[in-house]
Amino acid sequence: MARLALYARVSTADQTVDPQLDALRAYAARRGADAVEYVDEGVSGAKDRRPALDRLLADARRRRFEAVAVVKLDRLARSVHHLTALGREFEALGIALVVLDQSIDTATPSGRLLFHVLGSIAEFERDLIRERTRAGLAAARRRGKRLGRPPVLDGEGRARARRLRSAGRSLREIAAVLGVSHTAVARELAAGR
């Protein structure tokens, strides 16, 4: 019986890997394969190092399975560089990569071609998302919207902190008087709002 690695990943803690695992388990059952699961939950695909992916790669190097199955390429990696590196390593180890939703099987020449084309598209999509996010933040700044963490102290609290500092009080003393952390006081005084 063939051994198969099933890899699933979600980026945030409020997402679930269940739909991915259901599809992967069904694929393994159809193939009559003995499967081992590797799951990264709440980990970005932009990160090359992920706990379950690292275990999968270590087991691949020990030749513990013959193929790796994922639902989509972007579950495995979000950059062409990382995807290509993984593909090369799997190929060198004689391990096929199967991507269910995109009908890729790198054991075939057409599967390898499709693997590289879709990997490029996944990276392009990620770059577009990053570009749109930057553009949105820049537009918000131009409209005068304050971005980031809200201030810990209101205008009156900041004025009081400045008066206490001018009177020679330490950041820790000011923080104790205002009921906030000394780093918050330092940040608010440095901002000079």
N, C-alpha and C. Protein backbone atom coordinates (compact mmCIF):
# COMPACT_ATOMS: atom_id res chain seq x y z
N MET A 1 0.85 -1.19 0.00
CA MET A 1 0.00 0.00 0.00
C MET A 1 0.89 1.25 0.00
N ALA A 2 0.56 2.21 -0.86
CA ALA A 2 1.34 3.44 -0.97
C ALA A 2 1.16 4.30 0.27
N ARG A 3 2.21 5.00 0.64
CA ARG A 3 2.14 5.95 1.76
C ARG A 3 1.98 7.34 1.16
N LEU A 4 1.10 8.11 1.77
CA LEU A 4 0.75 9.44 1.26
C LEU A 4 0.78 10.44 2.41
N ALA A 5 1.38 11.61 2.17
CA ALA A 5 1.37 12.71 3.15
C ALA A 5 0.27 13.68 2.75
N LEU A 6 -0.56 14.04 3.71
CA LEU A 6 -1.63 15.01 3.48
C LEU A 6 -1.26 16.29 4.22
N TYR A 7 -1.19 17.42 3.48
CA TYR A 7 -0.82 18.68 4.12
C TYR A 7 -1.97 19.66 4.00
N ALA A 8 -2.36 20.25 5.15
CA ALA A 8 -3.42 21.26 5.19
C ALA A 8 -2.92 22.45 6.00
N ARG A 9 -3.40 23.66 5.62
CA ARG A 9 -2.97 24.88 6.33
C ARG A 9 -4.06 25.92 6.24
N VAL A 10 -4.24 26.65 7.34
CA VAL A 10 -5.07 27.85 7.34
C VAL A 10 -4.25 28.98 7.97
N SER A 11 -4.55 30.20 7.55
CA SER A 11 -3.75 31.34 7.98
C SER A 11 -4.14 31.91 9.33
N THR A 12 -5.42 31.81 9.68
CA THR A 12 -5.88 32.43 10.92
C THR A 12 -6.54 31.40 11.82
N ALA A 13 -6.60 31.72 13.09
CA ALA A 13 -7.16 30.80 14.09
C ALA A 13 -8.67 30.63 13.93
N ASP A 14 -9.35 31.60 13.30
CA ASP A 14 -10.81 31.46 13.15
C ASP A 14 -11.20 30.66 11.91
N GLN A 15 -10.22 30.19 11.13
CA GLN A 15 -10.50 29.32 9.99
C GLN A 15 -10.33 27.87 10.43
N THR A 16 -10.90 26.96 9.65
CA THR A 16 -10.78 25.54 9.97
C THR A 16 -10.18 24.76 8.81
N VAL A 17 -9.40 23.75 9.13
CA VAL A 17 -8.79 22.90 8.11
C VAL A 17 -9.69 21.74 7.72
N ASP A 18 -10.83 21.62 8.37
CA ASP A 18 -11.71 20.46 8.15
C ASP A 18 -12.07 20.22 6.67
N PRO A 19 -12.49 21.25 5.92
CA PRO A 19 -12.81 20.99 4.50
C PRO A 19 -11.61 20.45 3.72
N GLN A 20 -10.43 20.98 4.01
CA GLN A 20 -9.23 20.49 3.33
C GLN A 20 -8.97 19.03 3.69
N LEU A 21 -9.03 18.74 4.99
CA LEU A 21 -8.75 17.37 5.44
C LEU A 21 -9.79 16.39 4.90
N ASP A 22 -11.05 16.80 4.83
CA ASP A 22 -12.09 15.92 4.27
C ASP A 22 -11.75 15.54 2.83
N ALA A 23 -11.38 16.53 2.02
CA ALA A 23 -11.04 16.28 0.62
C ALA A 23 -9.79 15.41 0.51
N LEU A 24 -8.78 15.70 1.33
CA LEU A 24 -7.54 14.94 1.28
C LEU A 24 -7.74 13.49 1.73
N ARG A 25 -8.53 13.30 2.77
CA ARG A 25 -8.80 11.94 3.26
C ARG A 25 -9.58 11.14 2.21
N ALA A 26 -10.52 11.79 1.55
CA ALA A 26 -11.29 11.11 0.50
C ALA A 26 -10.36 10.70 -0.64
N TYR A 27 -9.42 11.57 -1.00
CA TYR A 27 -8.44 11.25 -2.06
C TYR A 27 -7.60 10.04 -1.65
N ALA A 28 -7.11 10.04 -0.42
CA ALA A 28 -6.30 8.92 0.07
C ALA A 28 -7.11 7.62 0.05
N ALA A 29 -8.38 7.70 0.44
CA ALA A 29 -9.25 6.51 0.45
C ALA A 29 -9.44 5.98 -0.98
N ARG A 30 -9.66 6.89 -1.95
CA ARG A 30 -9.83 6.46 -3.34
C ARG A 30 -8.59 5.76 -3.87
N ARG A 31 -7.43 6.23 -3.43
CA ARG A 31 -6.17 5.62 -3.87
C ARG A 31 -5.81 4.39 -3.05
N GLY A 32 -6.53 4.14 -1.99
CA GLY A 32 -6.21 3.01 -1.12
C GLY A 32 -4.87 3.22 -0.43
N ALA A 33 -4.57 4.49 -0.16
CA ALA A 33 -3.26 4.85 0.40
C ALA A 33 -3.31 4.96 1.91
N ASP A 34 -2.24 4.57 2.53
CA ASP A 34 -2.03 4.77 3.96
C ASP A 34 -1.54 6.21 4.11
N ALA A 35 -2.27 7.07 4.84
CA ALA A 35 -1.95 8.50 4.87
C ALA A 35 -1.55 8.98 6.25
N VAL A 36 -0.64 9.94 6.27
CA VAL A 36 -0.26 10.63 7.49
C VAL A 36 -0.55 12.12 7.27
N GLU A 37 -1.10 12.78 8.30
CA GLU A 37 -1.55 14.17 8.15
C GLU A 37 -0.57 15.14 8.80
N TYR A 38 -0.37 16.27 8.12
CA TYR A 38 0.46 17.37 8.60
C TYR A 38 -0.41 18.61 8.52
N VAL A 39 -0.65 19.28 9.64
CA VAL A 39 -1.59 20.40 9.67
C VAL A 39 -0.95 21.61 10.35
N ASP A 40 -0.93 22.74 9.64
CA ASP A 40 -0.49 24.02 10.21
C ASP A 40 -1.73 24.90 10.34
N GLU A 41 -2.08 25.27 11.57
CA GLU A 41 -3.25 26.12 11.79
C GLU A 41 -2.79 27.49 12.28
N GLY A 42 -3.32 28.55 11.66
CA GLY A 42 -2.98 29.90 12.05
C GLY A 42 -1.58 30.31 11.64
N VAL A 43 -1.11 29.78 10.50
CA VAL A 43 0.25 30.07 10.03
C VAL A 43 0.16 30.55 8.58
N SER A 44 0.77 31.69 8.30
CA SER A 44 0.76 32.26 6.95
C SER A 44 1.55 31.38 5.98
N GLY A 45 1.02 31.28 4.77
CA GLY A 45 1.72 30.56 3.71
C GLY A 45 2.93 31.30 3.21
N ALA A 46 3.07 32.57 3.59
CA ALA A 46 4.24 33.35 3.19
C ALA A 46 5.48 32.91 3.97
N LYS A 47 5.28 32.22 5.08
CA LYS A 47 6.41 31.76 5.89
C LYS A 47 6.95 30.45 5.33
N ASP A 48 8.24 30.42 5.07
CA ASP A 48 8.86 29.19 4.57
C ASP A 48 8.94 28.13 5.65
N ARG A 49 9.08 28.57 6.90
CA ARG A 49 9.20 27.63 8.03
C ARG A 49 7.87 27.58 8.77
N ARG A 50 7.31 26.39 8.85
CA ARG A 50 6.07 26.14 9.57
C ARG A 50 6.21 24.80 10.28
N PRO A 51 5.71 24.67 11.49
CA PRO A 51 5.94 23.43 12.25
C PRO A 51 5.58 22.14 11.50
N ALA A 52 4.35 22.06 10.98
CA ALA A 52 3.93 20.82 10.31
C ALA A 52 4.66 20.64 8.98
N LEU A 53 4.88 21.74 8.25
CA LEU A 53 5.62 21.64 6.99
C LEU A 53 7.04 21.18 7.25
N ASP A 54 7.66 21.69 8.30
CA ASP A 54 9.02 21.26 8.64
C ASP A 54 9.06 19.76 8.95
N ARG A 55 8.04 19.27 9.69
CA ARG A 55 7.97 17.82 9.98
C ARG A 55 7.77 17.02 8.70
N LEU A 56 6.90 17.53 7.81
CA LEU A 56 6.65 16.86 6.54
C LEU A 56 7.95 16.73 5.75
N LEU A 57 8.72 17.82 5.68
CA LEU A 57 9.98 17.79 4.93
C LEU A 57 10.98 16.82 5.55
N ALA A 58 11.04 16.81 6.88
CA ALA A 58 11.94 15.87 7.55
C ALA A 58 11.55 14.43 7.23
N ASP A 59 10.25 14.15 7.25
CA ASP A 59 9.77 12.80 6.93
C ASP A 59 9.98 12.48 5.45
N ALA A 60 9.86 13.48 4.58
CA ALA A 60 10.12 13.26 3.15
C ALA A 60 11.58 12.83 2.94
N ARG A 61 12.48 13.49 3.65
CA ARG A 61 13.91 13.15 3.53
C ARG A 61 14.20 11.75 4.05
N ARG A 62 13.34 11.26 4.94
CA ARG A 62 13.47 9.89 5.46
C ARG A 62 12.69 8.90 4.58
N ARG A 63 12.12 9.42 3.48
CA ARG A 63 11.36 8.61 2.52
C ARG A 63 10.19 7.87 3.19
N ARG A 64 9.45 8.57 4.04
CA ARG A 64 8.34 7.94 4.76
C ARG A 64 7.04 7.90 3.94
N PHE A 65 7.06 8.54 2.76
CA PHE A 65 5.88 8.50 1.89
C PHE A 65 6.34 8.70 0.45
N GLU A 66 5.41 8.41 -0.47
CA GLU A 66 5.72 8.47 -1.90
C GLU A 66 5.13 9.69 -2.59
N ALA A 67 4.17 10.33 -1.94
CA ALA A 67 3.52 11.50 -2.53
C ALA A 67 3.01 12.42 -1.43
N VAL A 68 2.91 13.70 -1.77
CA VAL A 68 2.33 14.71 -0.88
C VAL A 68 1.09 15.24 -1.57
N ALA A 69 -0.02 15.29 -0.85
CA ALA A 69 -1.26 15.82 -1.43
C ALA A 69 -1.69 17.06 -0.66
N VAL A 70 -2.08 18.09 -1.41
CA VAL A 70 -2.64 19.32 -0.85
C VAL A 70 -3.89 19.65 -1.66
N VAL A 71 -4.76 20.48 -1.09
CA VAL A 71 -5.97 20.86 -1.81
C VAL A 71 -5.66 21.89 -2.89
N LYS A 72 -4.87 22.91 -2.52
CA LYS A 72 -4.48 23.97 -3.46
C LYS A 72 -3.01 24.29 -3.25
N LEU A 73 -2.37 24.81 -4.29
CA LEU A 73 -0.95 25.18 -4.19
C LEU A 73 -0.70 26.21 -3.12
N ASP A 74 -1.61 27.17 -2.97
CA ASP A 74 -1.37 28.24 -2.00
C ASP A 74 -1.44 27.76 -0.56
N ARG A 75 -1.94 26.55 -0.33
CA ARG A 75 -1.89 25.97 1.02
C ARG A 75 -0.47 25.55 1.35
N LEU A 76 0.30 25.19 0.33
CA LEU A 76 1.68 24.74 0.51
C LEU A 76 2.65 25.91 0.58
N ALA A 77 2.53 26.85 -0.34
CA ALA A 77 3.44 28.00 -0.38
C ALA A 77 2.79 29.14 -1.14
N ARG A 78 3.21 30.37 -0.83
CA ARG A 78 2.64 31.54 -1.50
C ARG A 78 3.64 32.26 -2.39
N SER A 79 4.88 31.78 -2.43
CA SER A 79 5.85 32.41 -3.33
C SER A 79 6.36 31.38 -4.33
N VAL A 80 6.63 31.83 -5.54
CA VAL A 80 7.15 30.95 -6.58
C VAL A 80 8.48 30.35 -6.11
N HIS A 81 9.30 31.16 -5.47
CA HIS A 81 10.61 30.68 -5.01
C HIS A 81 10.44 29.50 -4.05
N HIS A 82 9.59 29.65 -3.03
CA HIS A 82 9.40 28.57 -2.05
C HIS A 82 8.73 27.36 -2.70
N LEU A 83 7.73 27.61 -3.53
CA LEU A 83 7.03 26.52 -4.20
C LEU A 83 7.99 25.73 -5.10
N THR A 84 8.82 26.46 -5.85
CA THR A 84 9.77 25.80 -6.74
C THR A 84 10.80 25.01 -5.94
N ALA A 85 11.26 25.58 -4.82
CA ALA A 85 12.23 24.87 -3.97
C ALA A 85 11.62 23.58 -3.42
N LEU A 86 10.37 23.66 -2.97
CA LEU A 86 9.70 22.46 -2.47
C LEU A 86 9.53 21.44 -3.59
N GLY A 87 9.10 21.91 -4.76
CA GLY A 87 8.92 21.02 -5.91
C GLY A 87 10.22 20.31 -6.29
N ARG A 88 11.33 21.08 -6.30
CA ARG A 88 12.64 20.49 -6.63
C ARG A 88 13.03 19.44 -5.60
N GLU A 89 12.83 19.77 -4.32
CA GLU A 89 13.20 18.82 -3.27
C GLU A 89 12.37 17.54 -3.38
N PHE A 90 11.06 17.69 -3.57
CA PHE A 90 10.21 16.50 -3.71
C PHE A 90 10.66 15.67 -4.92
N GLU A 91 10.96 16.35 -6.03
CA GLU A 91 11.39 15.65 -7.24
C GLU A 91 12.69 14.89 -6.99
N ALA A 92 13.64 15.53 -6.33
CA ALA A 92 14.93 14.88 -6.04
C ALA A 92 14.75 13.66 -5.14
N LEU A 93 13.74 13.71 -4.28
CA LEU A 93 13.48 12.60 -3.36
C LEU A 93 12.57 11.54 -3.98
N GLY A 94 12.11 11.79 -5.22
CA GLY A 94 11.22 10.84 -5.87
C GLY A 94 9.81 10.86 -5.31
N ILE A 95 9.41 12.02 -4.77
CA ILE A 95 8.08 12.18 -4.17
C ILE A 95 7.22 13.04 -5.09
N ALA A 96 6.06 12.52 -5.45
CA ALA A 96 5.14 13.27 -6.31
C ALA A 96 4.37 14.28 -5.46
N LEU A 97 4.00 15.39 -6.08
CA LEU A 97 3.13 16.39 -5.43
C LEU A 97 1.81 16.36 -6.17
N VAL A 98 0.73 16.16 -5.41
CA VAL A 98 -0.61 16.11 -5.99
C VAL A 98 -1.41 17.28 -5.42
N VAL A 99 -2.00 18.08 -6.31
CA VAL A 99 -2.81 19.23 -5.90
C VAL A 99 -4.22 18.98 -6.41
N LEU A 100 -5.12 18.68 -5.50
CA LEU A 100 -6.45 18.21 -5.87
C LEU A 100 -7.25 19.21 -6.70
N ASP A 101 -7.44 20.44 -6.21
CA ASP A 101 -8.31 21.40 -6.88
C ASP A 101 -7.79 21.83 -8.24
N GLN A 102 -6.49 21.72 -8.46
CA GLN A 102 -5.92 22.15 -9.73
C GLN A 102 -5.49 20.98 -10.61
N SER A 103 -5.84 19.77 -10.20
CA SER A 103 -5.53 18.56 -10.97
C SER A 103 -4.07 18.47 -11.37
N ILE A 104 -3.20 18.71 -10.41
CA ILE A 104 -1.76 18.64 -10.66
C ILE A 104 -1.22 17.36 -10.05
N ASP A 105 -0.40 16.68 -10.83
CA ASP A 105 0.35 15.53 -10.33
C ASP A 105 1.73 15.64 -10.94
N THR A 106 2.73 16.02 -10.13
CA THR A 106 4.06 16.28 -10.67
C THR A 106 4.79 15.01 -11.09
N ALA A 107 4.12 13.88 -11.00
CA ALA A 107 4.71 12.65 -11.54
C ALA A 107 4.62 12.65 -13.07
N THR A 108 3.84 13.61 -13.63
CA THR A 108 3.69 13.70 -15.08
C THR A 108 4.30 15.01 -15.60
N PRO A 109 4.78 15.05 -16.87
CA PRO A 109 5.33 16.30 -17.44
C PRO A 109 4.31 17.44 -17.44
N SER A 110 3.05 17.16 -17.82
CA SER A 110 2.05 18.23 -17.85
C SER A 110 1.74 18.71 -16.43
N GLY A 111 1.80 17.82 -15.46
CA GLY A 111 1.59 18.20 -14.07
C GLY A 111 2.68 19.12 -13.57
N ARG A 112 3.92 18.85 -13.97
CA ARG A 112 5.04 19.72 -13.56
C ARG A 112 4.90 21.11 -14.18
N LEU A 113 4.50 21.17 -15.45
CA LEU A 113 4.30 22.47 -16.10
C LEU A 113 3.19 23.25 -15.40
N LEU A 114 2.06 22.62 -15.17
CA LEU A 114 0.94 23.28 -14.51
C LEU A 114 1.33 23.74 -13.11
N PHE A 115 2.11 22.94 -12.41
CA PHE A 115 2.62 23.29 -11.08
C PHE A 115 3.34 24.64 -11.11
N HIS A 116 4.23 24.84 -12.08
CA HIS A 116 5.00 26.08 -12.16
C HIS A 116 4.14 27.26 -12.59
N VAL A 117 3.23 27.05 -13.52
CA VAL A 117 2.35 28.12 -13.98
C VAL A 117 1.45 28.60 -12.83
N LEU A 118 0.80 27.66 -12.15
CA LEU A 118 -0.10 28.05 -11.06
C LEU A 118 0.65 28.64 -9.88
N GLY A 119 1.88 28.19 -9.66
CA GLY A 119 2.70 28.78 -8.60
C GLY A 119 2.98 30.25 -8.88
N SER A 120 3.24 30.57 -10.14
CA SER A 120 3.46 31.97 -10.54
C SER A 120 2.21 32.80 -10.33
N ILE A 121 1.06 32.23 -10.65
CA ILE A 121 -0.20 32.94 -10.47
C ILE A 121 -0.47 33.19 -8.98
N ALA A 122 -0.18 32.20 -8.13
CA ALA A 122 -0.40 32.37 -6.68
C ALA A 122 0.46 33.51 -6.14
N GLU A 123 1.71 33.59 -6.59
CA GLU A 123 2.59 34.68 -6.14
C GLU A 123 2.07 36.02 -6.65
N PHE A 124 1.63 36.06 -7.90
CA PHE A 124 1.09 37.28 -8.49
C PHE A 124 -0.12 37.76 -7.68
N GLU A 125 -1.02 36.82 -7.33
CA GLU A 125 -2.20 37.15 -6.54
C GLU A 125 -1.81 37.73 -5.18
N ARG A 126 -0.83 37.13 -4.54
CA ARG A 126 -0.37 37.62 -3.24
C ARG A 126 0.21 39.03 -3.37
N ASP A 127 0.97 39.28 -4.44
CA ASP A 127 1.54 40.61 -4.67
C ASP A 127 0.43 41.64 -4.91
N LEU A 128 -0.62 41.25 -5.63
CA LEU A 128 -1.74 42.16 -5.86
C LEU A 128 -2.44 42.51 -4.55
N ILE A 129 -2.64 41.52 -3.70
CA ILE A 129 -3.27 41.77 -2.40
C ILE A 129 -2.42 42.75 -1.60
N ARG A 130 -1.11 42.54 -1.58
CA ARG A 130 -0.20 43.42 -0.84
C ARG A 130 -0.27 44.84 -1.41
N GLU A 131 -0.29 44.95 -2.75
CA GLU A 131 -0.35 46.26 -3.40
C GLU A 131 -1.66 46.98 -3.07
N ARG A 132 -2.78 46.26 -3.11
CA ARG A 132 -4.07 46.87 -2.79
C ARG A 132 -4.13 47.31 -1.33
N THR A 133 -3.54 46.52 -0.44
CA THR A 133 -3.51 46.88 0.98
C THR A 133 -2.72 48.16 1.18
N ARG A 134 -1.55 48.24 0.56
CA ARG A 134 -0.73 49.47 0.67
C ARG A 134 -1.47 50.67 0.12
N ALA A 135 -2.12 50.50 -1.04
CA ALA A 135 -2.86 51.61 -1.65
C ALA A 135 -4.00 52.05 -0.74
N GLY A 136 -4.69 51.10 -0.14
CA GLY A 136 -5.79 51.43 0.78
C GLY A 136 -5.30 52.18 2.00
N LEU A 137 -4.17 51.75 2.56
CA LEU A 137 -3.60 52.46 3.72
C LEU A 137 -3.16 53.87 3.34
N ALA A 138 -2.53 54.00 2.18
CA ALA A 138 -2.09 55.33 1.73
C ALA A 138 -3.28 56.26 1.52
N ALA A 139 -4.37 55.73 0.95
CA ALA A 139 -5.57 56.55 0.73
C ALA A 139 -6.17 56.97 2.07
N ALA A 140 -6.19 56.07 3.03
CA ALA A 140 -6.72 56.41 4.36
C ALA A 140 -5.88 57.50 5.02
N ARG A 141 -4.56 57.40 4.87
CA ARG A 141 -3.67 58.44 5.44
C ARG A 141 -3.94 59.79 4.78
N ARG A 142 -4.11 59.80 3.45
CA ARG A 142 -4.38 61.05 2.73
C ARG A 142 -5.69 61.68 3.20
N ARG A 143 -6.65 60.85 3.59
CA ARG A 143 -7.93 61.36 4.10
C ARG A 143 -7.81 61.78 5.56
N GLY A 144 -6.63 61.64 6.15
CA GLY A 144 -6.41 62.06 7.53
C GLY A 144 -6.79 61.02 8.57
N LYS A 145 -7.06 59.82 8.13
CA LYS A 145 -7.42 58.77 9.07
C LYS A 145 -6.18 58.33 9.83
N ARG A 146 -6.33 58.23 11.14
CA ARG A 146 -5.22 57.77 11.97
C ARG A 146 -5.21 56.25 11.95
N LEU A 147 -4.08 55.66 11.61
CA LEU A 147 -3.95 54.22 11.52
C LEU A 147 -3.17 53.69 12.71
N GLY A 148 -3.36 52.45 12.99
CA GLY A 148 -2.60 51.83 14.07
C GLY A 148 -3.38 51.77 15.37
N ARG A 149 -2.66 51.49 16.41
CA ARG A 149 -3.23 51.33 17.74
C ARG A 149 -3.78 52.66 18.25
N PRO A 150 -4.94 52.64 18.89
CA PRO A 150 -5.47 53.90 19.44
C PRO A 150 -4.61 54.37 20.61
N PRO A 151 -4.55 55.67 20.84
CA PRO A 151 -3.73 56.18 21.94
C PRO A 151 -4.26 55.69 23.29
N VAL A 152 -3.33 55.42 24.19
CA VAL A 152 -3.67 54.96 25.53
C VAL A 152 -4.22 56.11 26.37
N LEU A 153 -3.64 57.27 26.18
CA LEU A 153 -4.06 58.45 26.94
C LEU A 153 -4.83 59.41 26.05
N ASP A 154 -5.86 60.03 26.62
CA ASP A 154 -6.58 61.05 25.88
C ASP A 154 -5.80 62.37 26.00
N GLY A 155 -6.33 63.42 25.43
CA GLY A 155 -5.64 64.71 25.44
C GLY A 155 -5.32 65.20 26.84
N GLU A 156 -6.26 65.03 27.76
CA GLU A 156 -6.05 65.46 29.14
C GLU A 156 -4.96 64.61 29.81
N GLY A 157 -4.96 63.31 29.56
CA GLY A 157 -3.95 62.42 30.13
C GLY A 157 -2.56 62.74 29.61
N ARG A 158 -2.47 63.05 28.31
CA ARG A 158 -1.17 63.42 27.74
C ARG A 158 -0.66 64.73 28.34
N ALA A 159 -1.55 65.70 28.51
CA ALA A 159 -1.16 66.99 29.10
C ALA A 159 -0.67 66.78 30.53
N ARG A 160 -1.37 65.93 31.27
CA ARG A 160 -0.96 65.64 32.65
C ARG A 160 0.40 64.94 32.68
N ALA A 161 0.61 64.01 31.75
CA ALA A 161 1.90 63.31 31.67
C ALA A 161 3.03 64.30 31.38
N ARG A 162 2.78 65.26 30.46
CA ARG A 162 3.82 66.26 30.14
C ARG A 162 4.12 67.13 31.36
N ARG A 163 3.07 67.54 32.09
CA ARG A 163 3.29 68.36 33.30
C ARG A 163 4.11 67.59 34.33
N LEU A 164 3.75 66.32 34.55
CA LEU A 164 4.49 65.50 35.53
C LEU A 164 5.94 65.29 35.09
N ARG A 165 6.13 65.12 33.80
CA ARG A 165 7.50 64.92 33.30
C ARG A 165 8.31 66.20 33.47
N SER A 166 7.68 67.34 33.18
CA SER A 166 8.35 68.64 33.36
C SER A 166 8.71 68.89 34.82
N ALA A 167 7.91 68.32 35.71
CA ALA A 167 8.17 68.46 37.16
C ALA A 167 9.23 67.48 37.64
N GLY A 168 9.82 66.71 36.69
CA GLY A 168 10.92 65.82 37.05
C GLY A 168 10.52 64.42 37.44
N ARG A 169 9.27 64.04 37.23
CA ARG A 169 8.82 62.70 37.61
C ARG A 169 9.31 61.68 36.57
N SER A 170 9.63 60.46 37.03
CA SER A 170 10.09 59.40 36.12
C SER A 170 8.90 58.84 35.34
N LEU A 171 9.22 58.13 34.27
CA LEU A 171 8.16 57.50 33.47
C LEU A 171 7.36 56.51 34.30
N ARG A 172 8.04 55.76 35.16
CA ARG A 172 7.35 54.78 36.02
C ARG A 172 6.41 55.49 37.02
N GLU A 173 6.87 56.62 37.57
CA GLU A 173 6.02 57.36 38.50
C GLU A 173 4.78 57.90 37.79
N ILE A 174 4.99 58.44 36.58
CA ILE A 174 3.87 58.98 35.80
C ILE A 174 2.89 57.86 35.46
N ALA A 175 3.44 56.72 35.05
CA ALA A 175 2.61 55.57 34.70
C ALA A 175 1.75 55.14 35.88
N ALA A 176 2.35 55.12 37.07
CA ALA A 176 1.60 54.71 38.27
C ALA A 176 0.47 55.70 38.55
N VAL A 177 0.74 57.00 38.41
CA VAL A 177 -0.28 58.02 38.66
C VAL A 177 -1.43 57.90 37.65
N LEU A 178 -1.08 57.64 36.36
CA LEU A 178 -2.09 57.60 35.30
C LEU A 178 -2.72 56.21 35.11
N GLY A 179 -2.14 55.20 35.75
CA GLY A 179 -2.69 53.85 35.64
C GLY A 179 -2.45 53.18 34.30
N VAL A 180 -1.31 53.49 33.70
CA VAL A 180 -0.93 52.84 32.43
C VAL A 180 0.51 52.34 32.56
N SER A 181 1.00 51.65 31.54
CA SER A 181 2.38 51.15 31.60
C SER A 181 3.37 52.29 31.32
N HIS A 182 4.60 52.11 31.80
CA HIS A 182 5.61 53.15 31.56
C HIS A 182 5.97 53.24 30.08
N THR A 183 5.86 52.11 29.35
CA THR A 183 6.14 52.17 27.90
C THR A 183 5.05 52.96 27.18
N ALA A 184 3.81 52.86 27.65
CA ALA A 184 2.73 53.65 27.06
C ALA A 184 2.98 55.14 27.28
N VAL A 185 3.45 55.50 28.47
CA VAL A 185 3.76 56.91 28.77
C VAL A 185 4.89 57.38 27.85
N ALA A 186 5.93 56.56 27.74
CA ALA A 186 7.07 56.94 26.88
C ALA A 186 6.61 57.13 25.44
N ARG A 187 5.78 56.21 24.95
CA ARG A 187 5.28 56.28 23.57
C ARG A 187 4.45 57.53 23.37
N GLU A 188 3.55 57.84 24.31
CA GLU A 188 2.67 59.00 24.17
C GLU A 188 3.47 60.30 24.25
N LEU A 189 4.48 60.35 25.13
CA LEU A 189 5.30 61.57 25.21
C LEU A 189 6.14 61.76 23.98
N ALA A 190 6.65 60.65 23.44
CA ALA A 190 7.47 60.73 22.22
C ALA A 190 6.65 61.15 21.02
N ALA A 191 5.37 60.76 20.98
CA ALA A 191 4.50 61.10 19.85
C ALA A 191 4.23 62.60 19.81
N GLY A 192 4.27 63.25 20.97
CA GLY A 192 4.10 64.70 21.04
C GLY A 192 2.76 65.18 20.52
N ARG A 193 1.74 64.41 20.70
CA ARG A 193 0.41 64.82 20.22
C ARG A 193 -0.16 65.89 21.10
